[in-house]
Amino acid sequence: MRVINQFPARPAMDGDGVNIRRVADFDNTKFDPFLMLDEIKSDDKQDFIGGFPPHPHRGIETFTYIRKGGFEHRDQLGNVKAIRAKDVQWMSTGSGVIHSEMPLADADEGLHGFQIWVNMPANQKMRPARYEDSSNTTNPESTNDKGAVLRALAGNWAFAGQTSISAPIQDLAGKAAIADLMLSPDAVAELQLGRHEFVGLYLYEGTLIDKSHHDQDSHKHIDKSYAAGQYLILDSQELLELKAGADGAGLLLLAGQPIKEKIVHMGPFVMNTQAEIKQAVEDYQGGRFGQIPL
């Protein structure tokens, strides 16, 4: 693989005091069509017990994936769903959503999950909201003979000789596709993702070894390792060759087509002009987003 750029996740806090690690680019130049990735990972309830009380969104898609524990989702559309381990949830917020995400009372084993923000094209930002989740189905998995398992979370993937692995969630903005790739110790995986203009990965556990790294000083190929908490932007046109370290590795793969539009960001709103942001604030404050049913 050829790493174009590398970004460390930074400690942050959101919701009602929830501790997270975040990688974000609201200049919309590095991760397009993606905007942000948040990771929650803790066995201490105090890090996440406050959850995310009711809050609005406009102009983005939020994609949530849970690996351990869970949240209860509620929104003004009337959706009330428990999102547990291996589940994903997609909200194409469009013109507006108000939702809450609160830790499940029976999730005593800790919490590990992700929320990814995807930008929406200008001509779709004010369409009606859409909601889907995978709680009533299964995200398909494919295993190679070298210790790697790919779980398709959104879009379509090809892995381990299978030409198409289709996740239940489709139609993300920017033709975005998301997968969880789990590597056992010293496992190897190869993917060809040349149909996507953007490819990135977020390493959430273990160690990843890049055996094709070229040292500019010595002009030799040397092994370079990446630790958990790193977000790598990759050359999508090169074969993606991944090797785990002795402790294995877990990573999210993110792929898509850049939307290439200027954006303006303020809190939960991502639009294309300051006037549209001002209108979003006025609509929310004026109660035009609706409210979550009791």
C-alpha atoms as a PDB file:
ATOM      1  CA  MET A   1       0.000   0.000   0.000  1.00  0.00           C
ATOM      2  CA  ARG A   2       1.086   3.588  -0.521  1.00  0.00           C
ATOM      3  CA  VAL A   3       0.222   5.938   2.345  1.00  0.00           C
ATOM      4  CA  ILE A   4      -0.472   9.448   1.066  1.00  0.00           C
ATOM      5  CA  ASN A   5      -1.107  11.038   4.453  1.00  0.00           C
ATOM      6  CA  GLN A   6      -1.459  10.092   8.112  1.00  0.00           C
ATOM      7  CA  PHE A   7      -3.544  11.658  10.879  1.00  0.00           C
ATOM      8  CA  PRO A   8      -3.671  10.717  14.580  1.00  0.00           C
ATOM      9  CA  ALA A   9      -7.029  10.591  16.348  1.00  0.00           C
ATOM     10  CA  ARG A  10      -7.221  13.258  19.054  1.00  0.00           C
ATOM     11  CA  PRO A  11      -8.917  12.993  22.454  1.00  0.00           C
ATOM     12  CA  ALA A  12     -12.192  14.930  22.533  1.00  0.00           C
ATOM     13  CA  MET A  13     -15.461  15.137  24.422  1.00  0.00           C
ATOM     14  CA  ASP A  14     -18.985  15.291  23.001  1.00  0.00           C
ATOM     15  CA  GLY A  15     -22.591  14.772  24.055  1.00  0.00           C
ATOM     16  CA  ASP A  16     -23.030  14.761  27.829  1.00  0.00           C
ATOM     17  CA  GLY A  17     -19.364  14.313  28.693  1.00  0.00           C
ATOM     18  CA  VAL A  18     -18.643  11.300  26.450  1.00  0.00           C
ATOM     19  CA  ASN A  19     -14.905  10.703  25.969  1.00  0.00           C
ATOM     20  CA  ILE A  20     -14.006   9.955  22.361  1.00  0.00           C
ATOM     21  CA  ARG A  21     -11.117   9.915  19.912  1.00  0.00           C
ATOM     22  CA  ARG A  22     -11.747  12.013  16.797  1.00  0.00           C
ATOM     23  CA  VAL A  23     -10.332  12.548  13.329  1.00  0.00           C
ATOM     24  CA  ALA A  24     -12.061  15.385  11.460  1.00  0.00           C
ATOM     25  CA  ASP A  25     -11.610  17.523   8.356  1.00  0.00           C
ATOM     26  CA  PHE A  26     -14.230  20.213   7.949  1.00  0.00           C
ATOM     27  CA  ASP A  27     -12.111  21.980   5.330  1.00  0.00           C
ATOM     28  CA  ASN A  28     -13.329  19.065   3.162  1.00  0.00           C
ATOM     29  CA  THR A  29     -10.042  18.645   1.343  1.00  0.00           C
ATOM     30  CA  LYS A  30      -8.527  15.439   2.789  1.00  0.00           C
ATOM     31  CA  PHE A  31     -11.266  12.865   3.510  1.00  0.00           C
ATOM     32  CA  ASP A  32     -13.977  13.832   0.984  1.00  0.00           C
ATOM     33  CA  PRO A  33     -16.704  12.465   0.925  1.00  0.00           C
ATOM     34  CA  PHE A  34     -16.085  11.701   4.629  1.00  0.00           C
ATOM     35  CA  LEU A  35     -15.958  14.490   7.201  1.00  0.00           C
ATOM     36  CA  MET A  36     -15.272  12.939  10.607  1.00  0.00           C
ATOM     37  CA  LEU A  37     -14.708   9.682  12.458  1.00  0.00           C
ATOM     38  CA  ASP A  38     -15.357   9.371  16.194  1.00  0.00           C
ATOM     39  CA  GLU A  39     -14.380   6.319  18.238  1.00  0.00           C
ATOM     40  CA  ILE A  40     -15.779   5.493  21.684  1.00  0.00           C
ATOM     41  CA  LYS A  41     -13.823   2.781  23.456  1.00  0.00           C
ATOM     42  CA  SER A  42     -13.968   2.291  27.216  1.00  0.00           C
ATOM     43  CA  ASP A  43     -14.840  -0.254  29.877  1.00  0.00           C
ATOM     44  CA  ASP A  44     -15.502   2.585  32.339  1.00  0.00           C
ATOM     45  CA  LYS A  45     -19.160   3.699  32.307  1.00  0.00           C
ATOM     46  CA  GLN A  46     -18.159   7.178  33.444  1.00  0.00           C
ATOM     47  CA  ASP A  47     -16.614   7.713  30.003  1.00  0.00           C
ATOM     48  CA  PHE A  48     -19.918   7.298  28.163  1.00  0.00           C
ATOM     49  CA  ILE A  49     -22.845   7.033  30.598  1.00  0.00           C
ATOM     50  CA  GLY A  50     -24.100  10.550  29.772  1.00  0.00           C
ATOM     51  CA  GLY A  51     -24.631   9.552  26.150  1.00  0.00           C
ATOM     52  CA  PHE A  52     -25.857  11.952  23.503  1.00  0.00           C
ATOM     53  CA  PRO A  53     -29.099  13.697  24.566  1.00  0.00           C
ATOM     54  CA  PRO A  54     -31.425  15.115  21.858  1.00  0.00           C
ATOM     55  CA  HIS A  55     -29.581  17.180  19.248  1.00  0.00           C
ATOM     56  CA  PRO A  56     -30.129  18.177  15.600  1.00  0.00           C
ATOM     57  CA  HIS A  57     -28.362  17.519  12.289  1.00  0.00           C
ATOM     58  CA  ARG A  58     -28.748  18.876   8.788  1.00  0.00           C
ATOM     59  CA  GLY A  59     -26.810  18.293   5.573  1.00  0.00           C
ATOM     60  CA  ILE A  60     -24.874  15.146   6.548  1.00  0.00           C
ATOM     61  CA  GLU A  61     -25.203  11.399   6.890  1.00  0.00           C
ATOM     62  CA  THR A  62     -24.257   9.759  10.184  1.00  0.00           C
ATOM     63  CA  PHE A  63     -23.139   6.135  10.108  1.00  0.00           C
ATOM     64  CA  THR A  64     -22.861   4.345  13.455  1.00  0.00           C
ATOM     65  CA  TYR A  65     -21.179   0.960  13.996  1.00  0.00           C
ATOM     66  CA  ILE A  66     -21.064  -0.864  17.333  1.00  0.00           C
ATOM     67  CA  ARG A  67     -18.484  -3.526  18.204  1.00  0.00           C
ATOM     68  CA  LYS A  68     -19.266  -3.852  21.927  1.00  0.00           C
ATOM     69  CA  GLY A  69     -22.134  -2.654  24.112  1.00  0.00           C
ATOM     70  CA  GLY A  70     -24.848  -0.552  22.517  1.00  0.00           C
ATOM     71  CA  PHE A  71     -27.025   2.542  22.265  1.00  0.00           C
ATOM     72  CA  GLU A  72     -30.743   3.213  22.126  1.00  0.00           C
ATOM     73  CA  HIS A  73     -31.544   5.538  19.235  1.00  0.00           C
ATOM     74  CA  ARG A  74     -34.646   7.784  19.197  1.00  0.00           C
ATOM     75  CA  ASP A  75     -35.579  10.422  16.623  1.00  0.00           C
ATOM     76  CA  GLN A  76     -38.406  12.754  15.644  1.00  0.00           C
ATOM     77  CA  LEU A  77     -39.386  10.386  12.822  1.00  0.00           C
ATOM     78  CA  GLY A  78     -40.573   7.913  15.475  1.00  0.00           C
ATOM     79  CA  ASN A  79     -37.689   5.467  15.201  1.00  0.00           C
ATOM     80  CA  VAL A  80     -36.747   3.782  18.500  1.00  0.00           C
ATOM     81  CA  LYS A  81     -34.063   1.149  18.044  1.00  0.00           C
ATOM     82  CA  ALA A  82     -31.456  -0.642  20.157  1.00  0.00           C
ATOM     83  CA  ILE A  83     -28.171  -0.756  18.236  1.00  0.00           C
ATOM     84  CA  ARG A  84     -25.960  -3.530  19.615  1.00  0.00           C
ATOM     85  CA  ALA A  85     -22.665  -5.277  18.809  1.00  0.00           C
ATOM     86  CA  LYS A  86     -22.203  -5.888  15.045  1.00  0.00           C
ATOM     87  CA  ASP A  87     -25.127  -3.548  14.222  1.00  0.00           C
ATOM     88  CA  VAL A  88     -24.884  -0.488  12.012  1.00  0.00           C
ATOM     89  CA  GLN A  89     -27.209   2.484  11.673  1.00  0.00           C
ATOM     90  CA  TRP A  90     -27.445   5.059   8.895  1.00  0.00           C
ATOM     91  CA  MET A  91     -29.222   8.403   9.081  1.00  0.00           C
ATOM     92  CA  SER A  92     -29.273  10.482   5.923  1.00  0.00           C
ATOM     93  CA  THR A  93     -30.326  13.606   7.766  1.00  0.00           C
ATOM     94  CA  GLY A  94     -31.053  15.818   4.771  1.00  0.00           C
ATOM     95  CA  SER A  95     -33.189  18.795   5.768  1.00  0.00           C
ATOM     96  CA  GLY A  96     -33.203  17.857   9.420  1.00  0.00           C
ATOM     97  CA  VAL A  97     -33.193  15.235  12.146  1.00  0.00           C
ATOM     98  CA  ILE A  98     -33.355  15.443  15.920  1.00  0.00           C
ATOM     99  CA  HIS A  99     -32.142  12.305  17.644  1.00  0.00           C
ATOM    100  CA  SER A 100     -30.665  10.964  20.854  1.00  0.00           C
ATOM    101  CA  GLU A 101     -28.230   8.111  21.441  1.00  0.00           C
ATOM    102  CA  MET A 102     -28.131   6.797  24.995  1.00  0.00           C
ATOM    103  CA  PRO A 103     -26.170   3.795  26.347  1.00  0.00           C
ATOM    104  CA  LEU A 104     -28.245   0.652  26.802  1.00  0.00           C
ATOM    105  CA  ALA A 105     -28.981  -0.128  30.450  1.00  0.00           C
ATOM    106  CA  ASP A 106     -27.985  -3.785  30.003  1.00  0.00           C
ATOM    107  CA  ALA A 107     -24.674  -3.022  28.284  1.00  0.00           C
ATOM    108  CA  ASP A 108     -22.429  -3.685  31.273  1.00  0.00           C
ATOM    109  CA  GLU A 109     -19.375  -4.946  29.408  1.00  0.00           C
ATOM    110  CA  GLY A 110     -18.220  -1.531  28.221  1.00  0.00           C
ATOM    111  CA  LEU A 111     -18.677   0.255  24.922  1.00  0.00           C
ATOM    112  CA  HIS A 112     -16.765   0.267  21.654  1.00  0.00           C
ATOM    113  CA  GLY A 113     -18.252   1.955  18.643  1.00  0.00           C
ATOM    114  CA  PHE A 114     -17.796   4.484  15.877  1.00  0.00           C
ATOM    115  CA  GLN A 115     -19.741   7.298  14.271  1.00  0.00           C
ATOM    116  CA  ILE A 116     -18.699   8.430  10.813  1.00  0.00           C
ATOM    117  CA  TRP A 117     -20.003  11.595   9.161  1.00  0.00           C
ATOM    118  CA  VAL A 118     -20.434  11.609   5.387  1.00  0.00           C
ATOM    119  CA  ASN A 119     -21.025  14.841   3.491  1.00  0.00           C
ATOM    120  CA  MET A 120     -24.117  15.180   1.277  1.00  0.00           C
ATOM    121  CA  PRO A 121     -24.115  16.865  -2.144  1.00  0.00           C
ATOM    122  CA  ALA A 122     -25.673  20.323  -2.231  1.00  0.00           C
ATOM    123  CA  ASN A 123     -28.609  19.119  -4.306  1.00  0.00           C
ATOM    124  CA  GLN A 124     -29.546  16.532  -1.641  1.00  0.00           C
ATOM    125  CA  LYS A 125     -28.981  18.434   1.589  1.00  0.00           C
ATOM    126  CA  MET A 126     -32.613  19.554   1.879  1.00  0.00           C
ATOM    127  CA  ARG A 127     -34.344  16.334   0.884  1.00  0.00           C
ATOM    128  CA  PRO A 128     -36.390  14.389   3.493  1.00  0.00           C
ATOM    129  CA  ALA A 129     -34.441  12.408   6.091  1.00  0.00           C
ATOM    130  CA  ARG A 130     -33.907   8.657   5.731  1.00  0.00           C
ATOM    131  CA  TYR A 131     -33.206   6.066   8.436  1.00  0.00           C
ATOM    132  CA  GLU A 132     -31.984   2.458   8.160  1.00  0.00           C
ATOM    133  CA  ASP A 133     -30.250  -0.027  10.467  1.00  0.00           C
ATOM    134  CA  SER A 134     -29.102  -3.634  10.370  1.00  0.00           C
ATOM    135  CA  SER A 135     -30.708  -4.760  13.638  1.00  0.00           C
ATOM    136  CA  ASN A 136     -32.993  -7.227  11.820  1.00  0.00           C
ATOM    137  CA  THR A 137     -30.357  -8.644   9.478  1.00  0.00           C
ATOM    138  CA  THR A 138     -26.668  -9.581   9.427  1.00  0.00           C
ATOM    139  CA  ASN A 139     -23.720  -7.763   7.952  1.00  0.00           C
ATOM    140  CA  PRO A 140     -22.064 -10.361   5.677  1.00  0.00           C
ATOM    141  CA  GLU A 141     -18.513 -11.550   6.327  1.00  0.00           C
ATOM    142  CA  SER A 142     -15.845 -13.096   4.116  1.00  0.00           C
ATOM    143  CA  THR A 143     -12.719 -14.913   5.363  1.00  0.00           C
ATOM    144  CA  ASN A 144      -9.501 -15.513   3.452  1.00  0.00           C
ATOM    145  CA  ASP A 145      -7.020 -18.334   4.097  1.00  0.00           C
ATOM    146  CA  LYS A 146      -4.474 -16.001   5.726  1.00  0.00           C
ATOM    147  CA  GLY A 147      -6.297 -15.085   8.935  1.00  0.00           C
ATOM    148  CA  ALA A 148      -8.366 -12.085   7.774  1.00  0.00           C
ATOM    149  CA  VAL A 149     -12.118 -11.483   8.073  1.00  0.00           C
ATOM    150  CA  LEU A 150     -13.896  -8.656   6.259  1.00  0.00           C
ATOM    151  CA  ARG A 151     -17.307  -7.569   7.547  1.00  0.00           C
ATOM    152  CA  ALA A 152     -19.191  -5.444   4.993  1.00  0.00           C
ATOM    153  CA  LEU A 153     -20.953  -2.566   6.772  1.00  0.00           C
ATOM    154  CA  ALA A 154     -22.038  -0.340   3.879  1.00  0.00           C
ATOM    155  CA  GLY A 155     -21.843  -0.612   0.108  1.00  0.00           C
ATOM    156  CA  ASN A 156     -20.258  -3.428  -1.877  1.00  0.00           C
ATOM    157  CA  TRP A 157     -16.892  -5.120  -1.400  1.00  0.00           C
ATOM    158  CA  ALA A 158     -14.794  -7.785  -3.107  1.00  0.00           C
ATOM    159  CA  PHE A 159     -12.595  -9.933  -0.868  1.00  0.00           C
ATOM    160  CA  ALA A 160     -11.083 -13.410  -0.673  1.00  0.00           C
ATOM    161  CA  GLY A 161     -12.222 -14.424  -4.126  1.00  0.00           C
ATOM    162  CA  GLN A 162     -15.794 -13.147  -3.738  1.00  0.00           C
ATOM    163  CA  THR A 163     -16.626 -10.645  -6.461  1.00  0.00           C
ATOM    164  CA  SER A 164     -19.370  -8.921  -4.485  1.00  0.00           C
ATOM    165  CA  ILE A 165     -20.163  -8.783  -0.771  1.00  0.00           C
ATOM    166  CA  SER A 166     -23.180  -6.522  -0.338  1.00  0.00           C
ATOM    167  CA  ALA A 167     -23.948  -4.912   3.005  1.00  0.00           C
ATOM    168  CA  PRO A 168     -27.609  -4.340   3.950  1.00  0.00           C
ATOM    169  CA  ILE A 169     -26.982  -0.573   4.016  1.00  0.00           C
ATOM    170  CA  GLN A 170     -26.526   0.916   0.530  1.00  0.00           C
ATOM    171  CA  ASP A 171     -26.859   4.315  -1.189  1.00  0.00           C
ATOM    172  CA  LEU A 172     -24.604   6.377   1.084  1.00  0.00           C
ATOM    173  CA  ALA A 173     -23.682   9.801  -0.264  1.00  0.00           C
ATOM    174  CA  GLY A 174     -20.481   9.923  -2.272  1.00  0.00           C
ATOM    175  CA  LYS A 175     -20.958   6.238  -3.137  1.00  0.00           C
ATOM    176  CA  ALA A 176     -19.363   5.593   0.245  1.00  0.00           C
ATOM    177  CA  ALA A 177     -18.497   2.060   1.334  1.00  0.00           C
ATOM    178  CA  ILE A 178     -17.411   1.010   4.841  1.00  0.00           C
ATOM    179  CA  ALA A 179     -16.019  -2.305   6.117  1.00  0.00           C
ATOM    180  CA  ASP A 180     -14.485  -3.749   9.279  1.00  0.00           C
ATOM    181  CA  LEU A 181     -11.338  -5.763   8.535  1.00  0.00           C
ATOM    182  CA  MET A 182     -10.192  -8.006  11.390  1.00  0.00           C
ATOM    183  CA  LEU A 183      -6.702  -9.510  11.191  1.00  0.00           C
ATOM    184  CA  SER A 184      -5.425 -12.250  13.491  1.00  0.00           C
ATOM    185  CA  PRO A 185      -1.738 -12.114  14.545  1.00  0.00           C
ATOM    186  CA  ASP A 186       0.533 -11.894  11.453  1.00  0.00           C
ATOM    187  CA  ALA A 187      -2.494 -12.212   9.140  1.00  0.00           C
ATOM    188  CA  VAL A 188      -2.376 -10.861   5.588  1.00  0.00           C
ATOM    189  CA  ALA A 189      -5.128  -9.335   3.437  1.00  0.00           C
ATOM    190  CA  GLU A 190      -5.204  -7.930  -0.089  1.00  0.00           C
ATOM    191  CA  LEU A 191      -7.877  -5.718  -1.644  1.00  0.00           C
ATOM    192  CA  GLN A 192      -8.151  -3.964  -5.000  1.00  0.00           C
ATOM    193  CA  LEU A 193     -10.111  -0.745  -4.490  1.00  0.00           C
ATOM    194  CA  GLY A 194      -9.255   1.097  -7.686  1.00  0.00           C
ATOM    195  CA  ARG A 195     -12.912   1.787  -8.491  1.00  0.00           C
ATOM    196  CA  HIS A 196     -12.907   4.309  -5.621  1.00  0.00           C
ATOM    197  CA  GLU A 197     -11.198   7.681  -5.871  1.00  0.00           C
ATOM    198  CA  PHE A 198     -10.818   7.955  -2.075  1.00  0.00           C
ATOM    199  CA  VAL A 199      -9.610   5.149   0.195  1.00  0.00           C
ATOM    200  CA  GLY A 200      -8.713   5.522   3.868  1.00  0.00           C
ATOM    201  CA  LEU A 201      -8.379   3.290   6.887  1.00  0.00           C
ATOM    202  CA  TYR A 202      -8.662   3.820  10.608  1.00  0.00           C
ATOM    203  CA  LEU A 203      -6.660   1.422  12.776  1.00  0.00           C
ATOM    204  CA  TYR A 204      -8.632   0.856  15.972  1.00  0.00           C
ATOM    205  CA  GLU A 205      -6.557  -1.913  17.565  1.00  0.00           C
ATOM    206  CA  GLY A 206      -3.309  -3.817  17.152  1.00  0.00           C
ATOM    207  CA  THR A 207      -0.478  -3.046  14.759  1.00  0.00           C
ATOM    208  CA  LEU A 208      -0.353  -2.754  10.985  1.00  0.00           C
ATOM    209  CA  ILE A 209       2.878  -3.472   9.095  1.00  0.00           C
ATOM    210  CA  ASP A 210       3.608  -1.728   5.785  1.00  0.00           C
ATOM    211  CA  LYS A 211       6.155  -3.934   4.025  1.00  0.00           C
ATOM    212  CA  SER A 212       6.252  -1.744   0.929  1.00  0.00           C
ATOM    213  CA  HIS A 213       7.352   1.455   2.691  1.00  0.00           C
ATOM    214  CA  HIS A 214      10.110   3.233   0.760  1.00  0.00           C
ATOM    215  CA  ASP A 215      12.639   5.120   2.862  1.00  0.00           C
ATOM    216  CA  GLN A 216      13.480   8.371   1.093  1.00  0.00           C
ATOM    217  CA  ASP A 217      16.919   8.677   2.709  1.00  0.00           C
ATOM    218  CA  SER A 218      18.266   5.164   2.117  1.00  0.00           C
ATOM    219  CA  HIS A 219      16.143   4.487  -0.998  1.00  0.00           C
ATOM    220  CA  LYS A 220      15.380   1.052   0.423  1.00  0.00           C
ATOM    221  CA  HIS A 221      12.157  -0.747   1.205  1.00  0.00           C
ATOM    222  CA  ILE A 222      11.768  -1.084   4.964  1.00  0.00           C
ATOM    223  CA  ASP A 223       9.007  -2.269   7.237  1.00  0.00           C
ATOM    224  CA  LYS A 224       6.995   0.566   8.785  1.00  0.00           C
ATOM    225  CA  SER A 225       4.454  -0.054  11.520  1.00  0.00           C
ATOM    226  CA  TYR A 226       1.303   1.849  12.468  1.00  0.00           C
ATOM    227  CA  ALA A 227      -0.299   1.752  15.914  1.00  0.00           C
ATOM    228  CA  ALA A 228      -3.954   2.028  16.908  1.00  0.00           C
ATOM    229  CA  GLY A 229      -5.489   5.481  16.618  1.00  0.00           C
ATOM    230  CA  GLN A 230      -4.009   6.285  13.196  1.00  0.00           C
ATOM    231  CA  TYR A 231      -6.076   7.332  10.171  1.00  0.00           C
ATOM    232  CA  LEU A 232      -4.259   6.634   6.900  1.00  0.00           C
ATOM    233  CA  ILE A 233      -5.123   8.065   3.484  1.00  0.00           C
ATOM    234  CA  LEU A 234      -4.118   5.562   0.802  1.00  0.00           C
ATOM    235  CA  ASP A 235      -3.441   5.549  -2.926  1.00  0.00           C
ATOM    236  CA  SER A 236      -6.621   3.885  -4.167  1.00  0.00           C
ATOM    237  CA  GLN A 237      -5.002   2.799  -7.434  1.00  0.00           C
ATOM    238  CA  GLU A 238      -2.389   0.594  -5.772  1.00  0.00           C
ATOM    239  CA  LEU A 239      -3.120  -2.916  -4.507  1.00  0.00           C
ATOM    240  CA  LEU A 240      -3.921  -2.649  -0.802  1.00  0.00           C
ATOM    241  CA  GLU A 241      -1.614  -5.137   0.932  1.00  0.00           C
ATOM    242  CA  LEU A 242      -2.166  -5.306   4.690  1.00  0.00           C
ATOM    243  CA  LYS A 243      -0.233  -7.311   7.269  1.00  0.00           C
ATOM    244  CA  ALA A 244      -0.956  -7.420  10.979  1.00  0.00           C
ATOM    245  CA  GLY A 245       1.692  -7.388  13.652  1.00  0.00           C
ATOM    246  CA  ALA A 246       2.138 -10.066  16.295  1.00  0.00           C
ATOM    247  CA  ASP A 247      -0.828  -8.594  18.229  1.00  0.00           C
ATOM    248  CA  GLY A 248      -3.191  -8.698  15.250  1.00  0.00           C
ATOM    249  CA  ALA A 249      -5.064  -5.668  13.947  1.00  0.00           C
ATOM    250  CA  GLY A 250      -8.551  -4.259  13.537  1.00  0.00           C
ATOM    251  CA  LEU A 251      -9.320  -1.477  11.087  1.00  0.00           C
ATOM    252  CA  LEU A 252     -12.166   0.307   9.385  1.00  0.00           C
ATOM    253  CA  LEU A 253     -11.908   0.695   5.621  1.00  0.00           C
ATOM    254  CA  LEU A 254     -13.567   3.786   4.135  1.00  0.00           C
ATOM    255  CA  ALA A 255     -13.932   4.306   0.387  1.00  0.00           C
ATOM    256  CA  GLY A 256     -15.918   6.625  -1.842  1.00  0.00           C
ATOM    257  CA  GLN A 257     -16.066   9.312  -4.497  1.00  0.00           C
ATOM    258  CA  PRO A 258     -15.232  12.897  -3.465  1.00  0.00           C
ATOM    259  CA  ILE A 259     -18.146  15.319  -3.764  1.00  0.00           C
ATOM    260  CA  LYS A 260     -15.768  18.254  -4.352  1.00  0.00           C
ATOM    261  CA  GLU A 261     -18.016  21.026  -3.060  1.00  0.00           C
ATOM    262  CA  LYS A 262     -17.165  23.841  -0.677  1.00  0.00           C
ATOM    263  CA  ILE A 263     -18.827  23.376   2.689  1.00  0.00           C
ATOM    264  CA  VAL A 264     -19.591  25.505   5.738  1.00  0.00           C
ATOM    265  CA  HIS A 265     -19.684  23.765   9.122  1.00  0.00           C
ATOM    266  CA  MET A 266     -21.165  24.806  12.438  1.00  0.00           C
ATOM    267  CA  GLY A 267     -21.657  22.170  15.119  1.00  0.00           C
ATOM    268  CA  PRO A 268     -24.182  19.569  13.889  1.00  0.00           C
ATOM    269  CA  PHE A 269     -24.866  21.409  10.605  1.00  0.00           C
ATOM    270  CA  VAL A 270     -22.850  21.055   7.375  1.00  0.00           C
ATOM    271  CA  MET A 271     -24.131  23.146   4.472  1.00  0.00           C
ATOM    272  CA  ASN A 272     -22.639  24.973   1.478  1.00  0.00           C
ATOM    273  CA  THR A 273     -23.078  28.641   2.452  1.00  0.00           C
ATOM    274  CA  GLN A 274     -23.207  30.756   5.583  1.00  0.00           C
ATOM    275  CA  ALA A 275     -26.782  31.727   4.698  1.00  0.00           C
ATOM    276  CA  GLU A 276     -27.778  28.040   4.748  1.00  0.00           C
ATOM    277  CA  ILE A 277     -26.154  27.595   8.162  1.00  0.00           C
ATOM    278  CA  LYS A 278     -28.026  30.650   9.447  1.00  0.00           C
ATOM    279  CA  GLN A 279     -31.280  29.176   8.121  1.00  0.00           C
ATOM    280  CA  ALA A 280     -30.547  25.814   9.787  1.00  0.00           C
ATOM    281  CA  VAL A 281     -30.059  27.530  13.155  1.00  0.00           C
ATOM    282  CA  GLU A 282     -33.251  29.543  12.731  1.00  0.00           C
ATOM    283  CA  ASP A 283     -35.237  26.451  11.708  1.00  0.00           C
ATOM    284  CA  TYR A 284     -33.982  24.504  14.721  1.00  0.00           C
ATOM    285  CA  GLN A 285     -34.580  27.312  17.183  1.00  0.00           C
ATOM    286  CA  GLY A 286     -38.030  27.852  15.682  1.00  0.00           C
ATOM    287  CA  GLY A 287     -39.009  24.230  16.317  1.00  0.00           C
ATOM    288  CA  ARG A 288     -39.224  23.344  12.620  1.00  0.00           C
ATOM    289  CA  PHE A 289     -37.097  20.206  13.083  1.00  0.00           C
ATOM    290  CA  GLY A 290     -39.865  18.669  15.175  1.00  0.00           C
ATOM    291  CA  GLN A 291     -39.274  16.826  18.448  1.00  0.00           C
ATOM    292  CA  ILE A 292     -38.710  13.297  19.665  1.00  0.00           C
ATOM    293  CA  PRO A 293     -42.019  11.668  20.739  1.00  0.00           C
ATOM    294  CA  LEU A 294     -42.210  10.797  24.426  1.00  0.00           C
END
